[in-house]
Protein backbone atom coordinates (compact mmCIF):
# COMPACT_ATOMS: atom_id res chain seq x y z
CA UNK A 1 59.52 107.22 214.61
CA UNK A 2 58.94 108.19 210.77
CA UNK A 3 61.55 110.48 209.46
CA UNK A 4 60.28 113.19 207.38
CA UNK A 5 62.51 113.42 204.28
CA UNK A 6 63.54 116.98 203.40
CA UNK A 7 64.87 117.87 200.07
CA UNK A 8 67.96 120.15 199.98
CA UNK A 9 67.21 123.70 199.29
CA UNK A 10 66.54 124.64 195.79
CA UNK A 11 66.40 121.01 194.59
CA UNK A 12 62.95 119.79 193.16
CA UNK A 13 61.49 116.78 194.85
CA UNK A 14 61.48 113.52 192.90
CA UNK A 15 57.73 113.54 192.19
CA UNK A 16 57.35 117.30 191.80
CA UNK A 17 55.77 118.60 188.48
CA UNK A 18 59.22 120.05 187.40
CA UNK A 19 60.91 116.72 187.97
CA UNK A 20 58.09 114.89 185.99
CA UNK A 21 58.21 117.45 183.27
CA UNK A 22 61.97 116.93 182.96
CA UNK A 23 61.65 113.17 182.90
CA UNK A 24 59.05 113.45 180.10
CA UNK A 25 61.09 115.78 178.15
CA UNK A 26 64.09 113.35 178.49
CA UNK A 27 61.93 110.35 177.13
CA UNK A 28 60.60 112.44 174.13
CA UNK A 29 64.04 113.56 173.23
CA UNK A 30 65.46 110.03 173.26
CA UNK A 31 62.38 108.66 171.48
CA UNK A 32 62.63 111.37 168.84
CA UNK A 33 66.36 110.68 168.15
CA UNK A 34 65.83 106.93 167.83
CA UNK A 35 62.91 107.45 165.33
CA UNK A 36 64.91 110.06 163.38
CA UNK A 37 67.87 107.67 163.13
CA UNK A 38 66.02 104.32 162.46
CA UNK A 39 62.84 105.09 160.48
CA UNK A 40 61.23 103.26 158.82
CA UNK A 41 62.67 100.51 160.98
CA UNK A 42 62.47 97.90 158.24
CA UNK A 43 63.30 97.62 154.49
CA UNK A 44 60.26 99.17 152.62
CA UNK A 45 58.69 97.64 149.61
CA UNK A 46 60.76 98.12 146.47
CA UNK A 47 59.22 101.24 144.78
CA UNK A 48 59.53 100.00 141.08
CA UNK A 49 56.56 99.79 138.78
CA UNK A 50 55.90 99.50 135.05
CA UNK A 51 55.00 102.65 133.22
CA UNK A 52 51.21 102.69 132.57
CA UNK A 53 51.86 104.18 129.01
CA UNK A 54 54.64 102.70 126.81
CA UNK A 55 57.64 100.72 127.71
CA UNK A 56 59.65 101.40 130.79
CA UNK A 57 60.23 101.12 134.53
CA UNK A 58 59.39 103.89 136.96
CA UNK A 59 61.76 104.13 140.05
CA UNK A 60 60.32 105.80 143.13
CA UNK A 61 61.89 107.12 146.21
CA UNK A 62 63.19 103.65 147.27
CA UNK A 63 63.44 101.48 144.21
CA UNK A 64 66.21 99.49 142.63
CA UNK A 65 66.73 96.47 140.49
CA UNK A 66 69.55 93.94 139.95
CA UNK A 67 70.98 91.54 137.45
CA UNK A 68 70.11 88.01 138.20
CA UNK A 69 73.74 86.99 138.10
CA UNK A 70 77.05 89.06 137.44
CA UNK A 71 78.13 89.86 133.88
CA UNK A 72 81.08 87.68 133.16
CA UNK A 73 84.56 89.00 132.39
CA UNK A 74 85.95 87.89 128.86
CA UNK A 75 89.48 88.16 127.94
CA UNK A 76 88.55 90.20 124.81
CA UNK A 77 86.97 92.73 127.19
CA UNK A 78 90.24 93.62 129.00
CA UNK A 79 91.13 97.18 127.76
CA UNK A 80 88.76 96.99 124.82
CA UNK A 81 86.44 99.89 123.64
CA UNK A 82 82.71 99.83 124.75
CA UNK A 83 79.54 101.87 124.60
CA UNK A 84 76.48 102.28 126.71
CA UNK A 85 73.12 103.65 125.86
CA UNK A 86 70.42 104.45 128.20
CA UNK A 87 67.07 106.29 127.63
CA UNK A 88 65.95 107.69 130.82
CA UNK A 89 63.84 110.70 132.41
CA UNK A 90 64.56 112.09 135.90
CA UNK A 91 61.77 112.68 138.29
CA UNK A 92 63.79 115.36 140.04
CA UNK A 93 66.06 118.21 139.09
CA UNK A 94 68.84 119.66 141.31
CA UNK A 95 68.86 116.40 143.08
CA UNK A 96 70.87 113.26 142.72
CA UNK A 97 71.27 109.47 142.89
CA UNK A 98 72.95 106.57 141.32
CA UNK A 99 71.23 105.59 137.99
CA UNK A 100 73.37 102.44 137.50
CA UNK A 101 76.50 100.78 138.75
CA UNK A 102 78.52 97.69 137.73
CA UNK A 103 79.72 96.13 140.83
CA UNK A 104 82.32 93.42 141.44
CA UNK A 105 80.94 91.65 144.71
CA UNK A 106 84.10 89.80 145.40
CA UNK A 107 86.28 93.00 145.50
CA UNK A 108 83.61 95.15 146.64
CA UNK A 109 84.34 97.66 143.88
CA UNK A 110 81.94 99.64 141.81
CA UNK A 111 84.03 99.68 138.60
CA UNK A 112 81.76 101.90 136.68
CA UNK A 113 78.96 104.29 138.10
CA UNK A 114 76.66 106.60 136.43
CA UNK A 115 74.83 109.08 138.53
CA UNK A 116 72.78 112.20 138.55
CA UNK A 117 74.44 114.98 140.74
CA UNK A 118 72.22 118.01 141.02
CA UNK A 119 71.57 119.04 137.41
CA UNK A 120 74.56 117.23 136.06
CA UNK A 121 75.73 113.80 134.95
CA UNK A 122 78.65 112.20 136.89
CA UNK A 123 80.69 109.14 135.59
CA UNK A 124 83.10 107.48 137.98
CA UNK A 125 85.48 104.60 137.23
CA UNK A 126 87.30 102.60 139.85
CA UNK A 127 89.92 99.88 139.52
CA UNK A 128 90.18 96.71 141.62
CA UNK A 129 93.84 97.80 142.08
CA UNK A 130 93.48 100.28 145.13
CA UNK A 131 96.67 101.78 144.29
CA UNK A 132 95.17 103.10 140.95
CA UNK A 133 93.43 106.46 141.30
CA UNK A 134 89.87 106.64 140.74
CA UNK A 135 88.81 108.56 137.66
CA UNK A 136 85.75 110.90 137.42
CA UNK A 137 84.07 113.11 134.76
CA UNK A 138 81.25 115.58 135.06
CA UNK A 139 78.90 117.15 132.50
CA UNK A 140 76.58 119.95 133.77
CA UNK A 141 72.89 120.57 132.94
CA UNK A 142 72.21 117.16 131.59
CA UNK A 143 69.23 116.76 134.17
CA UNK A 144 68.40 120.49 134.24
CA UNK A 145 64.64 119.71 132.96
CA UNK A 146 62.21 116.98 133.44
CA UNK A 147 62.33 115.43 129.93
CA UNK A 148 63.42 112.19 128.37
CA UNK A 149 67.09 112.04 127.80
CA UNK A 150 68.78 109.53 125.24
CA UNK A 151 72.23 109.25 126.74
CA UNK A 152 75.18 107.59 124.93
CA UNK A 153 78.56 107.00 126.39
CA UNK A 154 81.33 105.70 124.21
CA UNK A 155 84.90 104.97 125.16
CA UNK A 156 87.98 103.78 123.23
CA UNK A 157 91.63 104.62 122.67
CA UNK A 158 90.93 108.38 122.03
CA UNK A 159 89.02 108.74 125.25
CA UNK A 160 85.52 108.96 126.26
CA UNK A 161 82.67 110.90 124.35
CA UNK A 162 79.32 111.54 125.91
CA UNK A 163 76.29 112.30 123.75
CA UNK A 164 72.86 113.65 124.92
CA UNK A 165 70.05 113.06 122.26
CA UNK A 166 72.67 112.21 119.58
CA UNK A 167 74.59 115.26 120.17
CA UNK A 168 78.27 115.46 121.50
CA UNK A 169 78.26 117.43 124.84
CA UNK A 170 81.74 116.38 126.07
CA UNK A 171 84.83 114.48 125.11
CA UNK A 172 87.71 113.59 127.55
CA UNK A 173 91.01 112.06 126.68
CA UNK A 174 91.96 111.45 130.19
CA UNK A 175 88.73 109.46 131.25
CA UNK A 176 88.50 106.04 129.82
CA UNK A 177 86.77 102.68 130.74
CA UNK A 178 86.72 99.40 128.95
CA UNK A 179 84.33 96.40 128.50
CA UNK A 180 85.68 94.84 131.63
CA UNK A 181 84.45 97.66 133.57
CA UNK A 182 80.80 97.06 132.30
CA UNK A 183 80.87 93.66 133.96
CA UNK A 184 79.96 92.22 137.39
CA UNK A 185 76.60 92.84 139.18
CA UNK A 186 74.41 95.46 137.54
CA UNK A 187 72.44 97.67 139.90
CA UNK A 188 69.94 100.30 138.69
CA UNK A 189 68.23 102.97 140.84
CA UNK A 190 70.71 102.76 143.84
CA UNK A 191 74.25 102.41 144.84
CA UNK A 192 75.85 98.96 145.66
CA UNK A 193 77.18 99.77 149.05
CA UNK A 194 74.89 102.70 150.38
CA UNK A 195 71.51 104.15 149.87
CA UNK A 196 71.85 106.59 147.05
CA UNK A 197 68.55 106.10 145.24
CA UNK A 198 67.57 107.72 141.94
CA UNK A 199 64.03 108.63 141.03
CA UNK A 200 62.90 108.56 137.32
CA UNK A 201 62.03 106.16 134.53
CA UNK A 202 64.24 104.09 132.27
CA UNK A 203 62.97 102.99 128.85
CA UNK A 204 65.99 101.35 127.36
CA UNK A 205 69.57 100.19 128.20
CA UNK A 206 72.12 98.65 125.79
CA UNK A 207 75.76 97.82 126.26
CA UNK A 208 78.07 97.41 123.10
CA UNK A 209 81.40 95.67 122.88
CA UNK A 210 82.81 98.36 120.59
CA UNK A 211 83.14 102.18 120.36
CA UNK A 212 80.31 103.87 118.52
CA UNK A 213 80.95 106.64 116.02
CA UNK A 214 79.02 109.97 116.21
CA UNK A 215 76.86 108.91 113.03
CA UNK A 216 75.93 105.66 114.78
CA UNK A 217 74.99 107.61 117.89
CA UNK A 218 72.70 109.89 116.02
CA UNK A 219 71.17 107.07 113.93
CA UNK A 220 70.40 105.02 117.07
CA UNK A 221 68.75 108.12 118.72
CA UNK A 222 66.65 108.72 115.71
CA UNK A 223 65.66 105.04 115.25
CA UNK A 224 65.05 104.32 118.97
CA UNK A 225 62.83 107.24 119.75
CA UNK A 226 60.57 106.38 116.98
CA UNK A 227 60.37 102.57 117.24
CA UNK A 228 61.73 101.64 120.72
CA UNK A 229 63.56 98.67 119.05
CA UNK A 230 67.30 98.16 119.94
CA UNK A 231 69.76 97.80 117.12
CA UNK A 232 70.69 94.34 117.98
CA UNK A 233 74.18 93.15 116.49
CA UNK A 234 76.97 90.71 117.50
CA UNK A 235 78.62 93.63 119.25
CA UNK A 236 75.77 94.15 121.85
CA UNK A 237 76.40 92.20 125.08
CA UNK A 238 73.16 93.24 126.80
CA UNK A 239 69.98 94.95 125.54
CA UNK A 240 67.06 95.68 127.80
CA UNK A 241 63.87 97.32 126.34
CA UNK A 242 61.76 97.22 129.34
CA UNK A 243 58.77 96.33 127.25
CA UNK A 244 57.51 93.28 129.36
CA UNK A 245 54.85 95.61 131.04
CA UNK A 246 54.29 93.29 133.95
CA UNK A 247 56.17 90.83 136.26
CA UNK A 248 59.33 91.13 138.07
CA UNK A 249 61.96 90.01 135.21
CA UNK A 250 63.47 92.38 132.63
CA UNK A 251 64.78 90.16 129.72
CA UNK A 252 68.08 90.57 128.08
CA UNK A 253 67.29 90.66 124.30
CA UNK A 254 71.00 89.85 123.46
CA UNK A 255 72.28 86.28 123.17
CA UNK A 256 74.39 86.65 126.36
CA UNK A 257 74.04 88.26 129.68
CA UNK A 258 71.68 87.91 132.56
CA UNK A 259 68.25 89.14 133.00
CA UNK A 260 67.29 91.91 135.41
CA UNK A 261 65.16 91.27 138.56
CA UNK A 262 62.78 93.43 140.55
CA UNK A 263 63.01 92.35 144.05
CA UNK A 264 59.94 92.71 146.45
CA UNK A 265 61.91 94.84 149.04
CA UNK A 266 64.22 97.68 148.54
CA UNK A 267 67.76 96.61 149.05
CA UNK A 268 71.48 97.54 149.25
CA UNK A 269 73.60 94.65 148.02
CA UNK A 270 76.64 95.32 150.41
CA UNK A 271 75.46 97.51 153.20
CA UNK A 272 78.42 99.47 154.86
CA UNK A 273 78.84 98.72 158.49
CA UNK A 274 80.43 101.47 160.65
CA UNK A 275 82.14 103.01 157.53
CA UNK A 276 85.44 104.70 158.51
CA UNK A 277 85.42 108.49 158.67
CA UNK A 278 87.95 109.02 155.90
CA UNK A 279 86.07 106.84 153.58
CA UNK A 280 82.82 108.82 154.24
CA UNK A 281 84.44 112.16 153.89
CA UNK A 282 83.98 114.24 150.91
CA UNK A 283 84.18 118.05 150.26
CA UNK A 284 80.57 118.59 149.04
CA UNK A 285 78.19 121.00 150.80
CA UNK A 286 75.86 118.05 151.75
CA UNK A 287 78.47 116.44 153.86
CA UNK A 288 78.94 119.42 156.10
CA UNK A 289 75.26 119.87 156.20
CA UNK A 290 74.94 116.45 157.70
CA UNK A 291 77.71 117.03 160.08
CA UNK A 292 75.94 120.17 161.54
CA UNK A 293 72.56 118.40 161.62
CA UNK A 294 74.17 115.46 163.43
CA UNK A 295 75.68 117.65 165.99
CA UNK A 296 72.54 119.76 166.50
CA UNK A 297 70.42 116.78 166.84
CA UNK A 298 72.14 115.46 170.02
CA UNK A 299 72.36 118.83 171.69
CA UNK A 300 68.87 118.44 173.30
CA UNK A 301 69.87 114.96 174.53
CA UNK A 302 72.97 116.39 176.25
CA UNK A 303 71.19 119.41 177.69
CA UNK A 304 68.08 117.67 179.30
CA UNK A 305 69.83 114.43 180.46
CA UNK A 306 72.53 116.61 181.93
CA UNK A 307 69.72 118.24 183.84
CA UNK A 308 68.09 114.97 184.71
CA UNK A 309 71.31 113.28 185.98
CA UNK A 310 72.15 116.29 188.09
CA UNK A 311 68.63 117.26 189.51
CA UNK A 312 66.78 113.83 189.61
CA UNK A 313 69.35 111.05 189.72
CA UNK A 314 71.96 113.17 191.55
CA UNK A 315 74.82 111.15 190.32
CA UNK A 316 78.50 112.04 190.33
CA UNK A 317 80.06 113.57 187.30
CA UNK A 318 76.82 113.98 185.40
CA UNK A 319 78.47 115.73 182.35
CA UNK A 320 80.66 112.59 181.56
CA UNK A 321 77.85 110.26 182.22
CA UNK A 322 75.68 112.35 179.74
CA UNK A 323 78.44 112.34 177.21
CA UNK A 324 78.82 108.50 177.58
CA UNK A 325 75.11 108.14 177.04
CA UNK A 326 75.23 110.18 173.84
CA UNK A 327 77.87 107.97 172.56
CA UNK A 328 76.03 104.71 173.49
CA UNK A 329 72.71 105.90 171.90
CA UNK A 330 74.72 106.90 168.78
CA UNK A 331 76.50 103.58 168.62
CA UNK A 332 73.23 101.74 168.91
CA UNK A 333 71.74 103.60 166.08
CA UNK A 334 74.67 103.16 163.88
CA UNK A 335 74.89 99.42 164.47
CA UNK A 336 71.14 99.06 163.70
CA UNK A 337 71.38 101.12 160.63
CA UNK A 338 73.79 98.57 159.28
CA UNK A 339 70.71 96.41 158.73
CA UNK A 340 68.42 99.03 157.26
CA UNK A 341 68.81 99.64 153.50
CA UNK A 342 67.44 103.25 153.71
CA UNK A 343 70.05 104.35 156.21
CA UNK A 344 73.90 104.54 156.20
CA UNK A 345 76.06 103.17 159.01
CA UNK A 346 79.17 105.16 159.64
CA UNK A 347 81.66 106.21 162.34
CA UNK A 348 81.46 109.88 161.37
CA UNK A 349 78.07 110.04 163.06
CA UNK A 350 79.58 108.59 166.27
CA UNK A 351 81.88 111.58 166.65
CA UNK A 352 79.28 114.21 165.51
CA UNK A 353 76.47 112.83 167.71
CA UNK A 354 78.85 112.48 170.86
CA UNK A 355 80.12 116.00 170.15
CA UNK A 356 76.42 117.20 170.17
CA UNK A 357 75.66 115.59 173.45
CA UNK A 358 78.83 116.98 175.03
CA UNK A 359 77.86 120.50 173.78
CA UNK A 360 74.29 120.10 175.25
CA UNK A 361 75.66 118.98 178.53
CA UNK A 362 78.22 121.94 178.66
CA UNK A 363 75.47 124.46 177.75
CA UNK A 364 73.38 123.11 180.76
CA UNK A 365 76.32 123.40 183.20
CA UNK A 366 77.12 127.02 181.98
CA UNK A 367 73.39 127.74 182.27
CA UNK A 368 73.32 126.67 185.93
CA UNK A 369 76.72 128.29 186.68
CA UNK A 370 75.52 131.74 185.48
CA UNK A 371 71.85 131.29 186.67
CA UNK A 372 70.23 131.38 183.32
CA UNK A 373 67.71 128.86 184.41
CA UNK A 374 67.13 130.55 187.80
CA UNK A 375 65.55 133.45 185.97
CA UNK A 376 63.06 131.16 184.07
CA UNK A 377 62.16 128.83 186.99
CA UNK A 378 65.28 126.38 187.18
CA UNK A 379 64.95 122.64 188.08
CA UNK A 380 68.31 122.41 189.83
CA UNK A 381 70.49 125.33 191.06
CA UNK A 382 73.66 123.16 191.16
CA UNK A 383 76.75 125.29 190.57
CA UNK A 384 78.04 123.00 187.82
CA UNK A 385 81.57 122.56 186.89
CA UNK A 386 81.90 122.04 183.09
CA UNK A 387 84.71 119.45 183.77
CA UNK A 388 82.54 117.15 185.75
């Protein structure tokens, strides 16, 4: 004799419209999270192109270039004065990104970093000796307008001087860097270990093995903006005029030093893999925005999968299973992000995403406990315990 299956009172049948709807919602939520976390699923084309008018390179949303080989460290560069000139124009204000970095691959240390931070210029120096504190200097309003900027940074025994268009804008006796810091792999348009792309154009880059005087800085600005020719001398260790106009090589006009290459695909030299939370942490507003977004993004997963496990699958301890699912999905995304140059792989997201899934599961448990869903046409009238 056939037995007629009778669903418990208040529980939607497995093939009922509410059950199918809940299953579809869960599939859409999971798909949306995977797309948001892994898009574009591959390394995009390197968005670097030659300027159509005049010399220079244009860096797009995901564009970067790299030196063909590392700049070698010479004995004379240890603690020696040095200077750097770069003529650039940002594509965005109130934004950010790494303009250039000198990176030591063997130590995985970015010895010198120049970046745009909102409308200001940020310089950072890091030592190979982990016990030495990192140094940082910030100059506001350098990138407050979309216009060409001739930037000169000169460092020596008295400290570091920063010039914009030949005019001194800041001097610091506590921030110093040497010729040794301007060695290693040169990356432009992106950070060496994370996606921190900068958008804009670069028309010139010159590295000097000495400290430039204010008179020389003013003279170089005047001559370079007129003729676009570098002042080549024995003290120049690297000079890039970006006047090739085509191809994937930027030639070093100085006697020593490598050329720069434009790879076909966007890249990060040493992608971080599950970076530790204390390494990712910083006190900037953007960090806390990311934390909130990562928590909120997994709340729907926790809410709807908690409903699915309780109403459709009818498994034991659905809250804990939902939290474990949130952790597994987050871990999968973070592992795969370690192979995507446009994404950052870090452990902070594991905690925030799992917390979001837990919050969503608890919200559903509370909603059934206090009959919030009953008034709106519930799927499952389980009297849920938030500890389950």
